N, C-alpha and C. Protein backbone atom coordinates (compact mmCIF):
# COMPACT_ATOMS: atom_id res chain seq x y z
N UNK A 1 0.84 -1.38 -0.15
CA UNK A 1 -0.44 0.08 -0.09
C UNK A 1 1.13 1.45 0.11
N UNK A 2 0.60 2.05 -0.71
CA UNK A 2 1.31 3.28 -0.98
C UNK A 2 0.43 4.33 -0.57
N UNK A 3 1.49 5.72 -0.43
CA UNK A 3 0.95 6.92 -0.01
C UNK A 3 -0.39 7.10 -1.10
N UNK A 4 -1.12 7.21 -2.40
CA UNK A 4 -2.04 7.06 -2.90
C UNK A 4 -2.73 6.59 -2.41
N UNK A 5 -3.07 5.08 -1.87
CA UNK A 5 -4.02 4.34 -1.40
C UNK A 5 -4.49 4.89 -0.19
N UNK A 6 -3.25 5.12 0.39
CA UNK A 6 -3.93 5.90 2.10
C UNK A 6 -4.47 7.36 1.55
N UNK A 7 -4.02 7.89 0.73
CA UNK A 7 -5.16 9.27 0.50
C UNK A 7 -6.27 9.13 0.31
N UNK A 8 -6.61 8.07 -0.62
CA UNK A 8 -8.05 7.50 -1.37
C UNK A 8 -8.73 7.03 -0.61
N UNK A 9 -8.29 6.16 0.48
CA UNK A 9 -8.93 5.84 1.87
C UNK A 9 -9.23 6.57 2.63
N UNK A 10 -8.64 7.90 3.16
CA UNK A 10 -8.98 8.76 4.20
C UNK A 10 -9.89 9.68 3.27
N UNK A 11 -9.92 10.12 2.29
CA UNK A 11 -10.82 10.84 1.56
C UNK A 11 -12.11 9.83 1.72
N UNK A 12 -12.16 8.85 1.46
CA UNK A 12 -13.57 8.28 1.05
C UNK A 12 -13.86 8.18 2.57
N UNK A 13 -13.29 7.91 3.59
CA UNK A 13 -13.57 7.72 5.15
C UNK A 13 -14.56 9.20 5.46
N UNK A 14 -13.84 10.23 5.16
CA UNK A 14 -14.13 11.74 5.14
C UNK A 14 -15.90 11.66 4.27
N UNK A 15 -15.41 11.24 3.38
CA UNK A 15 -16.85 11.33 2.67
C UNK A 15 -18.05 10.39 3.45
N UNK A 16 -17.65 9.46 3.55
CA UNK A 16 -18.80 8.26 4.36
C UNK A 16 -19.14 9.10 5.51
N UNK A 17 -18.38 9.70 6.24
CA UNK A 17 -19.07 10.33 7.67
C UNK A 17 -19.89 11.57 7.10
N UNK A 18 -19.64 12.17 6.05
CA UNK A 18 -20.52 13.37 5.52
C UNK A 18 -21.76 12.66 4.97
N UNK A 19 -22.13 11.31 4.48
CA UNK A 19 -22.77 10.83 3.71
C UNK A 19 -23.77 10.39 5.22
N UNK A 20 -23.17 9.88 6.26
CA UNK A 20 -24.19 9.78 7.55
C UNK A 20 -24.89 10.74 7.89
N UNK A 21 -24.00 11.69 8.13
CA UNK A 21 -24.41 13.37 8.87
C UNK A 21 -25.86 13.63 7.65
N UNK A 22 -25.19 13.53 6.44
CA UNK A 22 -26.57 13.96 5.88
C UNK A 22 -27.87 13.22 6.01
N UNK A 23 -26.95 11.97 5.95
CA UNK A 23 -28.59 10.80 5.97
C UNK A 23 -29.23 10.95 7.26
N UNK A 24 -28.74 10.97 8.50
CA UNK A 24 -29.47 11.71 10.00
C UNK A 24 -30.18 12.91 9.72
N UNK A 25 -29.75 13.93 9.10
CA UNK A 25 -30.17 15.50 8.97
C UNK A 25 -31.70 15.13 7.96
N UNK A 26 -31.40 14.56 7.02
CA UNK A 26 -32.75 14.42 6.28
C UNK A 26 -33.47 13.21 6.72
N UNK A 27 -33.26 12.07 7.58
CA UNK A 27 -34.08 11.51 8.40
C UNK A 27 -34.63 12.34 9.31
N UNK A 28 -34.41 13.20 10.45
CA UNK A 28 -34.61 14.22 11.29
C UNK A 28 -35.81 15.23 10.44
N UNK A 29 -35.20 15.59 9.33
CA UNK A 29 -36.31 16.21 8.78
C UNK A 29 -37.74 15.65 7.79
N UNK A 30 -37.53 14.35 7.71
CA UNK A 30 -38.07 13.42 6.89
C UNK A 30 -38.03 14.04 5.42
N UNK A 31 -36.93 14.30 5.14
CA UNK A 31 -37.20 14.61 3.79
C UNK A 31 -36.67 13.27 2.80
N UNK A 32 -37.63 12.54 2.01
CA UNK A 32 -37.39 11.17 1.55
C UNK A 32 -35.94 11.24 0.25
N UNK A 33 -36.16 12.57 -0.22
CA UNK A 33 -35.32 12.75 -1.61
C UNK A 33 -33.93 12.99 -0.78
N UNK A 34 -33.34 13.93 -0.01
CA UNK A 34 -32.04 13.70 0.70
C UNK A 34 -31.79 12.73 1.08
N UNK A 35 -32.75 11.77 1.73
CA UNK A 35 -32.22 10.29 2.32
C UNK A 35 -31.95 9.72 1.28
N UNK A 36 -32.64 9.77 0.01
CA UNK A 36 -32.16 8.83 -0.92
C UNK A 36 -30.53 9.48 -1.69
N UNK A 37 -30.37 10.67 -1.52
CA UNK A 37 -29.26 11.24 -2.09
C UNK A 37 -27.89 10.83 -1.28
N UNK A 38 -28.34 10.85 0.17
CA UNK A 38 -27.15 10.28 0.97
C UNK A 38 -26.95 8.76 1.01
N UNK A 39 -28.11 8.06 0.96
CA UNK A 39 -27.80 6.54 0.41
C UNK A 39 -27.05 6.31 -0.98
N UNK A 40 -27.20 7.05 -1.85
CA UNK A 40 -26.45 6.97 -3.14
C UNK A 40 -25.04 7.47 -2.56
N UNK A 41 -24.90 8.35 -1.98
CA UNK A 41 -23.41 8.84 -1.42
C UNK A 41 -23.01 7.77 -1.17
N UNK A 42 -23.16 6.97 0.08
CA UNK A 42 -22.81 6.13 0.74
C UNK A 42 -22.31 4.73 0.18
N UNK A 43 -23.21 4.47 -1.06
CA UNK A 43 -23.02 3.64 -2.12
C UNK A 43 -22.02 3.57 -2.80
N UNK A 44 -21.78 5.09 -3.41
CA UNK A 44 -20.29 5.64 -4.23
C UNK A 44 -19.46 4.96 -3.05
N UNK A 45 -19.54 5.84 -1.86
CA UNK A 45 -18.09 5.46 -0.92
C UNK A 45 -17.77 4.24 -1.04
N UNK A 46 -18.72 3.13 -1.01
CA UNK A 46 -18.67 1.52 -0.74
C UNK A 46 -17.54 1.41 -2.13
N UNK A 47 -18.31 1.92 -3.22
CA UNK A 47 -17.75 1.32 -4.59
C UNK A 47 -16.26 1.68 -4.47
N UNK A 48 -15.85 2.68 -4.30
CA UNK A 48 -14.77 3.34 -4.05
C UNK A 48 -13.79 2.67 -3.45
N UNK A 49 -14.06 2.46 -1.97
CA UNK A 49 -13.41 1.82 -1.31
C UNK A 49 -13.21 0.20 -1.49
N UNK A 50 -14.05 -0.06 -2.24
CA UNK A 50 -13.90 -1.46 -2.94
C UNK A 50 -12.61 -1.63 -4.12
N UNK A 51 -12.95 -0.54 -4.68
CA UNK A 51 -11.88 -0.10 -5.59
C UNK A 51 -10.25 -0.19 -5.32
N UNK A 52 -10.46 0.70 -4.65
CA UNK A 52 -8.91 0.93 -3.76
C UNK A 52 -8.46 -0.54 -3.26
N UNK A 53 -9.13 -1.48 -2.44
CA UNK A 53 -8.88 -2.90 -1.87
C UNK A 53 -8.48 -3.45 -2.93
N UNK A 54 -9.05 -3.78 -3.93
CA UNK A 54 -8.83 -4.49 -5.19
C UNK A 54 -7.39 -4.00 -5.78
N UNK A 55 -7.37 -2.75 -5.64
CA UNK A 55 -5.89 -2.48 -6.53
C UNK A 55 -4.67 -2.81 -5.51
N UNK A 56 -4.89 -2.42 -4.07
CA UNK A 56 -3.82 -2.69 -3.25
C UNK A 56 -3.73 -4.39 -3.53
N UNK A 57 -4.94 -5.25 -3.20
CA UNK A 57 -4.64 -6.82 -3.58
C UNK A 57 -3.80 -6.86 -4.44
N UNK A 58 -4.45 -6.54 -5.69
CA UNK A 58 -3.59 -7.03 -7.08
C UNK A 58 -2.12 -6.26 -7.08
N UNK A 59 -1.79 -5.47 -6.39
CA UNK A 59 -0.45 -4.59 -6.70
C UNK A 59 -0.54 -3.67 -7.58
N UNK A 60 -1.56 -3.17 -8.42
CA UNK A 60 -1.66 -2.14 -9.20
C UNK A 60 -1.29 -1.01 -9.15
N UNK A 61 -0.35 -0.36 -10.01
CA UNK A 61 -0.36 0.81 -9.92
C UNK A 61 -0.10 1.09 -10.84
N UNK A 62 -0.90 1.97 -11.52
CA UNK A 62 -0.87 2.76 -13.28
C UNK A 62 -0.49 3.91 -12.98
N UNK A 63 -0.40 4.34 -11.98
CA UNK A 63 0.01 6.01 -11.74
C UNK A 63 1.54 6.17 -11.55
N UNK A 64 2.03 5.80 -12.38
CA UNK A 64 3.68 5.99 -13.17
C UNK A 64 3.76 6.98 -13.86
N UNK A 65 4.85 8.38 -13.56
CA UNK A 65 4.84 9.48 -13.75
C UNK A 65 5.55 9.33 -15.50
N UNK A 66 6.68 8.56 -15.30
CA UNK A 66 7.55 8.43 -16.58
C UNK A 66 7.51 6.92 -16.88
N UNK A 67 7.26 6.57 -17.98
CA UNK A 67 7.55 5.01 -18.42
C UNK A 67 9.13 4.80 -18.90
N UNK A 68 9.68 4.29 -18.09
CA UNK A 68 11.57 3.98 -19.16
C UNK A 68 11.31 2.66 -19.92
N UNK A 69 11.67 2.48 -21.02
CA UNK A 69 11.85 1.87 -21.78
C UNK A 69 13.19 1.53 -22.22
N UNK A 70 13.67 0.24 -22.18
CA UNK A 70 14.98 -0.21 -22.50
C UNK A 70 14.91 0.21 -24.42
N UNK A 71 16.09 0.90 -24.69
CA UNK A 71 16.44 1.45 -25.62
C UNK A 71 17.19 0.30 -26.33
N UNK A 72 17.37 -0.68 -26.34
CA UNK A 72 18.90 -1.49 -26.82
C UNK A 72 17.65 -2.49 -27.67
């Protein structure tokens, strides 16, 4: 796991917290549309975390800045 994965997971954890807060606020207000929006945001966070976990397990890192090739 590199710093890129840690940053992605941290940002998704913060987004999940925001989705939970939005859901509880919408539920308290009785706003169904905002509850659906918060639920979809939570689902998006879950998918993003699943993608990061898959990248870590597979060891994929396609974020190379420079591709070096052998010139011979």
